[in-house]
Amino acid sequence: MSLEYLKHVHTHRQKQLQKKARATAKLEAEKEAVRVAKMEAEARKQKEIVARKKLLIEQQEDERLRQKYTQRKEKLAEQKWDKQFDTLLAQIKDRLQKDNKLEEIRTIIQNREPSLQKLDWDSWLSDPLNQKLADLDFDHAAEMFKRDNLMAKRRKGTRGKGRKSAPKYALAFTGNGASGAEDYVKTDFNPNDYDLHLGFTVSYWVRPDEVGNTMFAFGRKFNNSQRFTFGISTVAKIYIGTGGNKLEGRWDNGLGDNASGQTAAELFPSLFDDGDLIPGTWMHFAVTYADRDSTSEGQVARKVYLNGELVRSQDLNWSATGGSFTDDGMYFGGRNLKHAGNLPGYDNGWACAVDQVAIFNTAKDANWVKDVYNTDKKKLDLSNESGLVGYWKFDEGSGTTVKDYSGNGNHGTFAAISGDTTAYPTWEYLGSVITR
């Protein structure tokens, strides 16, 4: 064998060995790759298991916290309800006590008789009813004590042979402003019952004690087409509501309907300051609405008089009638306004005094208005006038009832917001009229 051959054989063998080594290495590499892939898959599986366990633990913790929060919330709600219930029971108890106190005060006021002679405080308290009133409401008792002595003094000063003194009063309200107690008088008087949309006259005296926005001496409103309201719109404006019409004209910007063509502020400078109403002075108003047979006749004149002088005249048609709601009568000291649920409600009170309110179902003329204004209101008596449908003199001087002298029985009853005994209107003594 030649050397060349042996060298060839050796080289071939070496190549086979290398080829086999490469195959073996490839096989080992493939096995290693499979092993590594299995290990990685197992690692991912373990990682997923750990993640799922962690998520489950987190979900369980969240649920535990949610249940704990819900239980705490329910417990707090229960505690809050218990507290609210206790508060409600306390309020009911307090309301019952106030109502009982109110009823006692009403009974005392109705049953007591004013002293006919001037007394000191201790002597005045010797009357058991006065003592009981002082125990229930000292401020009210002190006011009654002052009034009794004032009345006794007036009686003594006007006493004469063959003559009698008739005390005269007005009723004062505090309104519903910042310092007001929201006192008022409610009646069953409904303008629809007397066909006032076919003609009326309203005559009244009012003393504004405060002036501001939208304040009513008396009135009623069923809706925007059913107004019967009397007061002021602002310190500079009147407010007369008739049917669907609101008169809110300025005192110093009238229509010149009186003979002189002057505004209300020009006619009565002592009542106004630069067009603004000055509080504290009695004023007489009369509002007339011309007579007609039916609303089909259309517009007729409504006239407004201040202290006997015509200050406004306007043609209008009050055509919508018939509206009614629960307890739908007219209020004094504010307005009875229909609220949601067909319920009445005190609205826009006025701190003022009111006297001699008369309502007729016919339109009176200018001479009648002037005669009423020129008659001392303490001596005024319109109870025998024709067409009278409502008349409140406010001469009672005590008690909680205001008599309707028209014969229609629409007597007024003191009312107060939330049964507050301090929210009653106040009787004001005007003096005495001597009669024979």
Protein backbone atom coordinates (compact mmCIF):
# COMPACT_ATOMS: atom_id res chain seq x y z
CA MET A 1 0.00 0.00 0.00
CA SER A 2 1.35 3.28 -0.94
CA LEU A 3 1.82 6.22 1.27
CA GLU A 4 -0.49 8.23 -0.83
CA TYR A 5 -3.25 5.77 -0.37
CA LEU A 6 -2.80 5.62 3.36
CA LYS A 7 -2.89 9.38 3.48
CA HIS A 8 -6.14 9.37 1.52
CA VAL A 9 -7.70 6.82 3.79
CA HIS A 10 -6.68 8.80 6.87
CA THR A 11 -8.14 11.99 5.46
CA HIS A 12 -11.43 10.27 4.57
CA ARG A 13 -11.66 8.79 8.03
CA GLN A 14 -11.00 12.11 9.60
CA LYS A 15 -13.82 13.66 7.54
CA GLN A 16 -16.21 10.89 8.62
CA LEU A 17 -15.26 11.41 12.23
CA GLN A 18 -15.80 15.15 11.89
CA LYS A 19 -19.15 14.59 10.17
CA LYS A 20 -20.21 12.20 12.90
CA ALA A 21 -19.06 14.67 15.53
CA ARG A 22 -21.06 17.43 13.89
CA ALA A 23 -24.17 15.19 13.76
CA THR A 24 -23.68 14.25 17.38
CA ALA A 25 -23.25 17.92 18.33
CA LYS A 26 -26.33 18.87 16.37
CA LEU A 27 -28.33 16.13 18.04
CA GLU A 28 -27.07 17.24 21.45
CA ALA A 29 -27.92 20.83 20.61
CA GLU A 30 -31.41 19.84 19.57
CA LYS A 31 -31.84 17.84 22.77
CA GLU A 32 -30.54 20.81 24.74
CA ALA A 33 -32.96 23.16 22.96
CA VAL A 34 -35.85 20.82 23.75
CA ARG A 35 -34.72 20.63 27.37
CA VAL A 36 -34.38 24.42 27.61
CA ALA A 37 -37.81 24.91 25.95
CA LYS A 38 -39.35 22.52 28.50
CA MET A 39 -37.67 24.36 31.31
CA GLU A 40 -38.88 27.74 30.00
CA ALA A 41 -42.41 26.40 29.57
CA GLU A 42 -42.34 25.05 33.07
CA ALA A 43 -41.04 28.37 34.36
CA ARG A 44 -43.81 30.26 32.54
CA LYS A 45 -46.38 27.81 33.94
CA GLN A 46 -45.06 28.31 37.46
CA LYS A 47 -45.04 32.07 36.93
CA GLU A 48 -48.67 31.97 35.75
CA ILE A 49 -49.62 29.84 38.74
CA VAL A 50 -47.94 32.35 41.05
CA ALA A 51 -49.67 35.25 39.26
CA ARG A 52 -53.07 33.57 39.51
CA LYS A 53 -52.53 32.87 43.19
CA LYS A 54 -51.49 36.50 43.74
CA LEU A 55 -54.54 37.76 41.81
CA LEU A 56 -56.81 35.46 43.79
CA ILE A 57 -55.33 36.69 47.04
CA GLU A 58 -55.77 40.31 45.92
CA GLN A 59 -59.38 39.63 44.87
CA GLN A 60 -60.09 37.97 48.20
CA GLU A 61 -58.56 40.94 50.03
CA ASP A 62 -60.60 43.38 47.92
CA GLU A 63 -63.77 41.44 48.69
CA ARG A 64 -62.90 41.40 52.38
CA LEU A 65 -62.35 45.17 52.37
CA ARG A 66 -65.55 45.74 50.36
CA GLN A 67 -67.57 43.68 52.83
CA LYS A 68 -65.94 45.50 55.71
CA TYR A 69 -66.75 48.88 54.07
CA THR A 70 -70.33 47.83 53.37
CA GLN A 71 -70.81 46.66 56.96
CA ARG A 72 -69.36 49.93 58.28
CA LYS A 73 -71.53 51.95 55.90
CA GLU A 74 -74.64 50.03 56.99
CA LYS A 75 -73.69 50.53 60.61
CA LEU A 76 -73.16 54.27 60.11
CA ALA A 77 -76.46 54.53 58.22
CA GLU A 78 -78.21 52.73 61.05
CA GLN A 79 -76.59 55.01 63.61
CA LYS A 80 -77.55 58.07 61.48
CA TRP A 81 -81.15 56.87 61.23
CA ASP A 82 -81.28 56.26 64.96
CA LYS A 83 -79.99 59.81 65.49
CA GLN A 84 -82.48 61.26 62.98
CA PHE A 85 -85.29 59.26 64.57
CA ASP A 86 -84.34 60.55 68.02
CA THR A 87 -84.20 64.09 66.61
CA LEU A 88 -87.61 63.65 64.96
CA LEU A 89 -89.11 62.38 68.21
CA ALA A 90 -87.63 65.37 70.03
CA GLN A 91 -89.05 67.75 67.39
CA ILE A 92 -92.50 66.14 67.67
CA LYS A 93 -92.37 66.42 71.43
CA ASP A 94 -91.27 70.07 71.19
CA ARG A 95 -94.02 70.82 68.65
CA LEU A 96 -96.65 69.24 70.88
CA GLN A 97 -95.40 71.30 73.80
CA LYS A 98 -95.52 74.48 71.70
CA ASP A 99 -99.01 73.64 70.44
CA ASN A 100 -100.19 73.02 73.99
CA LYS A 101 -98.61 76.30 75.08
CA LEU A 102 -100.21 78.10 72.14
CA GLU A 103 -103.62 76.69 72.99
CA GLU A 104 -103.25 77.78 76.62
CA ILE A 105 -102.30 81.33 75.57
CA ARG A 106 -105.26 81.47 73.17
CA THR A 107 -107.62 80.35 75.93
CA ILE A 108 -106.27 82.99 78.34
CA ILE A 109 -106.54 85.78 75.75
CA GLN A 110 -110.12 84.80 74.95
CA ASN A 111 -111.21 84.51 78.58
CA ARG A 112 -109.39 87.37 80.32
CA GLU A 113 -110.94 90.79 80.80
CA PRO A 114 -108.77 93.95 80.59
CA SER A 115 -108.46 95.85 83.85
CA LEU A 116 -110.73 98.90 84.13
CA GLN A 117 -108.23 100.76 86.31
CA LYS A 118 -104.52 101.39 86.22
CA LEU A 119 -102.62 98.77 88.24
CA ASP A 120 -99.04 98.09 89.21
CA TRP A 121 -97.40 94.88 88.04
CA ASP A 122 -98.00 92.91 91.24
CA SER A 123 -101.67 93.92 91.38
CA TRP A 124 -102.11 93.03 87.72
CA LEU A 125 -100.61 89.59 88.38
CA SER A 126 -103.13 89.00 91.18
CA ASP A 127 -105.53 87.96 88.42
CA PRO A 128 -104.85 84.20 88.00
CA LEU A 129 -105.20 84.39 84.22
CA ASN A 130 -102.64 87.20 84.03
CA GLN A 131 -100.27 85.25 86.25
CA LYS A 132 -100.64 82.16 84.11
CA LEU A 133 -100.02 84.21 80.96
CA ALA A 134 -96.81 85.58 82.51
CA ASP A 135 -95.67 82.06 83.36
CA LEU A 136 -96.26 80.93 79.76
CA ASP A 137 -94.93 83.98 77.92
CA PHE A 138 -93.49 86.85 79.95
CA ASP A 139 -93.06 89.23 76.98
CA HIS A 140 -96.67 88.72 75.92
CA ALA A 141 -97.87 89.30 79.47
CA ALA A 142 -95.80 92.49 79.78
CA GLU A 143 -97.34 93.80 76.57
CA MET A 144 -100.88 93.02 77.78
CA PHE A 145 -100.08 94.74 81.09
CA LYS A 146 -99.03 97.91 79.25
CA ARG A 147 -102.12 97.82 77.05
CA ASP A 148 -104.49 97.31 79.98
CA ASN A 149 -103.05 100.34 81.77
CA LEU A 150 -103.14 102.40 78.58
CA MET A 151 -106.80 101.50 78.04
CA ALA A 152 -107.60 102.28 81.68
CA LYS A 153 -105.94 105.68 81.30
CA ARG A 154 -107.88 106.41 78.12
CA ARG A 155 -111.17 105.41 79.75
CA LYS A 156 -110.50 107.70 82.67
CA GLY A 157 -109.60 110.64 80.43
CA THR A 158 -112.70 110.37 78.25
CA ARG A 159 -115.23 109.59 80.96
CA GLY A 160 -118.17 112.07 81.04
CA LYS A 161 -121.77 112.25 82.11
CA GLY A 162 -124.18 110.82 79.57
CA ARG A 163 -121.38 109.89 77.18
CA LYS A 164 -119.74 106.58 76.27
CA SER A 165 -116.26 106.02 74.89
CA ALA A 166 -115.77 103.47 72.14
CA PRO A 167 -112.10 102.39 71.88
CA LYS A 168 -110.79 102.13 68.34
CA TYR A 169 -108.01 99.84 67.16
CA ALA A 170 -106.01 98.77 64.15
CA LEU A 171 -104.06 95.57 63.54
CA ALA A 172 -100.29 95.65 62.98
CA PHE A 173 -98.21 92.98 61.24
CA THR A 174 -94.46 92.36 61.22
CA GLY A 175 -94.16 91.02 57.66
CA ASN A 176 -91.72 88.32 56.62
CA GLY A 177 -88.50 90.29 56.27
CA ALA A 178 -85.32 89.73 58.26
CA SER A 179 -86.95 90.97 61.48
CA GLY A 180 -90.49 89.77 60.71
CA ALA A 181 -92.32 86.95 62.44
CA GLU A 182 -94.60 86.10 59.49
CA ASP A 183 -97.89 86.87 61.25
CA TYR A 184 -101.16 87.10 59.36
CA VAL A 185 -104.95 86.79 59.53
CA LYS A 186 -106.75 84.31 57.33
CA THR A 187 -110.37 84.57 56.18
CA ASP A 188 -112.78 82.61 53.99
CA PHE A 189 -113.37 85.62 51.75
CA ASN A 190 -113.09 84.62 48.06
CA PRO A 191 -113.70 87.37 45.45
CA ASN A 192 -115.13 84.76 43.08
CA ASP A 193 -118.05 84.19 45.47
CA TYR A 194 -119.27 87.77 44.89
CA ASP A 195 -118.62 88.24 41.13
CA LEU A 196 -116.10 90.98 41.74
CA HIS A 197 -114.84 90.51 38.16
CA LEU A 198 -118.06 92.32 37.13
CA GLY A 199 -117.33 95.35 39.31
CA PHE A 200 -115.97 96.15 42.76
CA THR A 201 -114.69 98.76 45.18
CA VAL A 202 -112.01 98.15 47.78
CA SER A 203 -111.43 100.79 50.47
CA TYR A 204 -108.73 100.45 53.12
CA TRP A 205 -106.34 102.31 55.39
CA VAL A 206 -102.73 101.18 55.67
CA ARG A 207 -99.69 102.45 57.56
CA PRO A 208 -96.43 101.18 56.04
CA ASP A 209 -93.96 100.45 58.83
CA GLU A 210 -91.35 99.09 56.42
CA VAL A 211 -91.04 99.51 52.67
CA GLY A 212 -89.32 97.12 50.29
CA ASN A 213 -89.93 94.72 47.45
CA THR A 214 -93.31 92.99 46.92
CA MET A 215 -95.18 93.54 50.18
CA PHE A 216 -98.93 92.98 50.52
CA ALA A 217 -101.38 94.41 53.05
CA PHE A 218 -103.94 91.78 52.05
CA GLY A 219 -104.89 89.60 49.12
CA ARG A 220 -105.24 86.29 47.41
CA LYS A 221 -103.79 84.75 44.23
CA PHE A 222 -105.01 81.53 42.62
CA ASN A 223 -102.95 81.87 39.44
CA ASN A 224 -101.59 84.58 37.12
CA SER A 225 -105.12 85.29 35.83
CA GLN A 226 -106.71 85.35 39.28
CA ARG A 227 -105.16 88.10 41.39
CA PHE A 228 -106.86 90.13 44.11
CA THR A 229 -103.90 91.72 45.85
CA PHE A 230 -103.10 95.12 47.39
CA GLY A 231 -99.72 96.43 48.51
CA ILE A 232 -96.46 97.79 47.12
CA SER A 233 -94.06 96.47 44.50
CA THR A 234 -91.01 98.43 45.68
CA VAL A 235 -90.32 101.47 47.82
CA ALA A 236 -91.04 103.51 44.68
CA LYS A 237 -93.97 101.55 43.22
CA ILE A 238 -97.54 100.62 44.04
CA TYR A 239 -98.88 97.06 43.53
CA ILE A 240 -102.52 96.39 42.72
CA GLY A 241 -103.33 92.93 41.33
CA THR A 242 -106.67 92.54 39.55
CA GLY A 243 -107.32 89.32 37.63
CA GLY A 244 -104.46 88.94 35.18
CA ASN A 245 -103.25 92.54 35.57
CA LYS A 246 -100.42 93.74 37.84
CA LEU A 247 -100.27 97.50 38.37
CA GLU A 248 -96.70 98.31 39.46
CA GLY A 249 -96.43 101.98 38.52
CA ARG A 250 -94.08 104.46 40.17
CA TRP A 251 -95.47 106.99 42.62
CA ASP A 252 -93.67 109.78 40.79
CA ASN A 253 -94.56 108.68 37.26
CA GLY A 254 -98.35 108.62 37.12
CA LEU A 255 -100.62 108.90 34.12
CA GLY A 256 -101.96 112.30 35.13
CA ASP A 257 -105.53 110.99 35.47
CA ASN A 258 -106.50 113.39 38.25
CA ALA A 259 -107.80 116.87 37.52
CA SER A 260 -104.43 118.49 38.20
CA GLY A 261 -102.49 115.96 36.14
CA GLN A 262 -100.09 115.45 39.09
CA THR A 263 -98.46 112.22 40.21
CA ALA A 264 -99.08 110.71 43.64
CA ALA A 265 -95.67 111.94 44.82
CA GLU A 266 -96.52 115.48 43.65
CA LEU A 267 -99.97 115.45 45.23
CA PHE A 268 -98.70 114.25 48.62
CA PRO A 269 -95.07 115.35 49.13
CA SER A 270 -95.22 114.54 52.84
CA LEU A 271 -95.68 110.84 51.99
CA PHE A 272 -92.76 110.53 49.59
CA ASP A 273 -89.07 111.35 49.49
CA ASP A 274 -87.76 111.72 45.95
CA GLY A 275 -90.44 109.30 44.75
CA ASP A 276 -89.89 106.75 47.53
CA LEU A 277 -92.64 105.95 50.02
CA ILE A 278 -91.89 107.15 53.56
CA PRO A 279 -92.86 104.67 56.33
CA GLY A 280 -94.94 105.58 59.35
CA THR A 281 -97.94 107.54 57.98
CA TRP A 282 -101.51 106.32 57.55
CA MET A 283 -102.72 106.33 53.91
CA HIS A 284 -106.16 105.69 52.47
CA PHE A 285 -106.51 103.70 49.26
CA ALA A 286 -109.61 103.01 47.21
CA VAL A 287 -109.65 100.83 44.10
CA THR A 288 -112.75 100.72 41.89
CA TYR A 289 -113.51 98.49 38.91
CA ALA A 290 -116.39 99.69 36.70
CA ASP A 291 -119.63 97.72 36.72
CA ARG A 292 -120.64 95.53 33.76
CA ASP A 293 -123.12 92.72 33.13
CA SER A 294 -120.67 90.11 31.77
CA THR A 295 -117.03 89.65 30.82
CA SER A 296 -118.06 89.70 27.13
CA GLU A 297 -118.36 93.49 27.41
CA GLY A 298 -114.57 93.56 27.43
CA GLN A 299 -112.39 96.11 29.17
CA VAL A 300 -113.67 98.56 31.76
CA ALA A 301 -111.91 101.14 33.88
CA ARG A 302 -110.06 100.31 37.08
CA LYS A 303 -109.22 103.41 39.12
CA VAL A 304 -106.86 103.80 42.05
CA TYR A 305 -107.30 106.61 44.58
CA LEU A 306 -104.80 107.73 47.23
CA ASN A 307 -106.13 109.94 50.05
CA GLY A 308 -109.19 110.79 47.97
CA GLU A 309 -107.29 111.72 44.79
CA LEU A 310 -107.25 109.70 41.56
CA VAL A 311 -103.67 108.55 40.84
CA ARG A 312 -104.21 105.76 38.27
CA SER A 313 -106.82 104.80 35.69
CA GLN A 314 -106.52 101.84 33.35
CA ASP A 315 -108.91 99.79 31.19
CA LEU A 316 -108.65 96.04 31.68
CA ASN A 317 -110.72 92.87 31.51
CA TRP A 318 -110.78 90.53 34.50
CA SER A 319 -112.24 87.57 32.67
CA ALA A 320 -110.90 84.41 34.35
CA THR A 321 -112.88 83.37 37.44
CA GLY A 322 -113.76 80.26 39.38
CA GLY A 323 -110.33 79.23 40.61
CA SER A 324 -110.29 77.67 44.06
CA PHE A 325 -107.86 75.75 46.23
CA THR A 326 -107.69 74.37 49.75
CA ASP A 327 -108.35 77.11 52.32
CA ASP A 328 -108.60 79.65 49.50
CA GLY A 329 -109.71 82.74 51.39
CA MET A 330 -108.02 86.14 51.46
CA TYR A 331 -105.25 86.87 53.99
CA PHE A 332 -104.47 90.10 55.86
CA GLY A 333 -100.83 90.94 56.55
CA GLY A 334 -99.73 89.16 53.38
CA ARG A 335 -101.17 87.23 50.45
CA ASN A 336 -102.68 83.75 50.25
CA LEU A 337 -100.89 82.12 47.34
CA LYS A 338 -101.76 78.77 45.78
CA HIS A 339 -98.75 76.45 46.00
CA ALA A 340 -97.99 72.96 44.67
CA GLY A 341 -100.51 70.33 45.70
CA ASN A 342 -103.37 72.85 45.58
CA LEU A 343 -102.38 74.11 49.01
CA PRO A 344 -102.53 77.69 50.35
CA GLY A 345 -99.55 79.54 51.71
CA TYR A 346 -98.56 82.83 53.31
CA ASP A 347 -96.69 84.96 50.79
CA ASN A 348 -94.92 88.35 50.70
CA GLY A 349 -95.99 89.78 54.03
CA TRP A 350 -95.77 93.49 54.83
CA ALA A 351 -94.73 95.14 58.08
CA CYS A 352 -97.68 97.50 58.27
CA ALA A 353 -100.87 98.36 60.16
CA VAL A 354 -104.28 97.84 58.52
CA ASP A 355 -107.64 99.36 59.37
CA GLN A 356 -111.16 99.70 57.95
CA VAL A 357 -110.98 97.28 55.00
CA ALA A 358 -114.29 97.35 53.07
CA ILE A 359 -115.10 95.48 49.85
CA PHE A 360 -118.16 96.12 47.67
CA ASN A 361 -119.47 94.29 44.59
CA THR A 362 -120.13 97.56 42.78
CA ALA A 363 -117.97 100.47 41.65
CA LYS A 364 -118.26 103.58 43.83
CA ASP A 365 -117.67 107.03 42.33
CA ALA A 366 -115.02 109.64 43.09
CA ASN A 367 -117.28 111.62 45.46
CA TRP A 368 -117.90 108.52 47.56
CA VAL A 369 -114.16 107.87 47.77
CA LYS A 370 -113.45 111.45 48.83
CA ASP A 371 -116.20 111.33 51.48
CA VAL A 372 -114.77 108.13 52.96
CA TYR A 373 -111.27 109.60 53.06
CA ASN A 374 -112.51 112.81 54.70
CA THR A 375 -114.34 110.87 57.43
CA ASP A 376 -112.28 110.24 60.56
CA LYS A 377 -111.45 106.56 60.21
CA LYS A 378 -112.02 106.09 63.93
CA LYS A 379 -115.65 107.16 63.36
CA LEU A 380 -116.06 105.51 59.94
CA ASP A 381 -118.86 102.95 59.66
CA LEU A 382 -119.68 101.50 56.24
CA SER A 383 -121.75 98.58 57.48
CA ASN A 384 -125.00 99.99 56.03
CA GLU A 385 -123.58 100.81 52.59
CA SER A 386 -125.13 99.10 49.56
CA GLY A 387 -123.18 96.33 47.85
CA LEU A 388 -121.05 95.57 50.91
CA VAL A 389 -119.67 92.00 50.72
CA GLY A 390 -116.75 92.19 53.17
CA TYR A 391 -115.98 94.63 56.00
CA TRP A 392 -113.35 94.32 58.70
CA LYS A 393 -113.14 97.27 61.12
CA PHE A 394 -110.29 95.80 63.27
CA ASP A 395 -111.86 97.26 66.40
CA GLU A 396 -111.77 94.15 68.60
CA GLY A 397 -108.64 95.25 70.48
CA SER A 398 -108.02 91.79 71.95
CA GLY A 399 -108.46 88.14 71.14
CA THR A 400 -107.56 86.31 67.94
CA THR A 401 -110.65 86.98 65.78
CA VAL A 402 -111.42 89.85 63.38
CA LYS A 403 -115.15 90.21 62.72
CA ASP A 404 -116.60 90.61 59.23
CA TYR A 405 -119.32 93.26 59.57
CA SER A 406 -120.78 92.68 56.11
CA GLY A 407 -123.01 89.90 57.39
CA ASN A 408 -121.33 87.26 55.18
CA GLY A 409 -119.48 85.69 58.07
CA ASN A 410 -115.96 85.77 56.59
CA HIS A 411 -114.40 86.46 59.96
CA GLY A 412 -110.62 86.56 60.23
CA THR A 413 -108.58 84.27 62.46
CA PHE A 414 -105.06 84.97 63.71
CA ALA A 415 -102.51 82.67 62.16
CA ALA A 416 -98.79 82.21 62.65
CA ILE A 417 -96.12 80.28 60.80
CA SER A 418 -95.35 76.93 62.49
CA GLY A 419 -97.61 77.75 65.44
CA ASP A 420 -95.18 80.36 66.75
CA THR A 421 -97.01 82.26 69.50
CA THR A 422 -94.78 85.29 69.00
CA ALA A 423 -95.99 85.54 65.42
CA TYR A 424 -99.43 86.91 66.23
CA PRO A 425 -100.47 90.31 64.83
CA THR A 426 -100.65 93.13 67.37
CA TRP A 427 -103.70 95.17 68.31
CA GLU A 428 -102.89 98.89 68.29
CA TYR A 429 -105.00 101.32 70.25
CA LEU A 430 -105.90 104.38 68.16
CA GLY A 431 -107.94 106.26 70.77
CA SER A 432 -111.60 106.48 71.72
CA VAL A 433 -114.62 107.91 69.98
CA ILE A 434 -117.14 109.63 72.25
CA THR A 435 -120.75 108.61 71.62
CA ARG A 436 -123.97 109.55 73.42
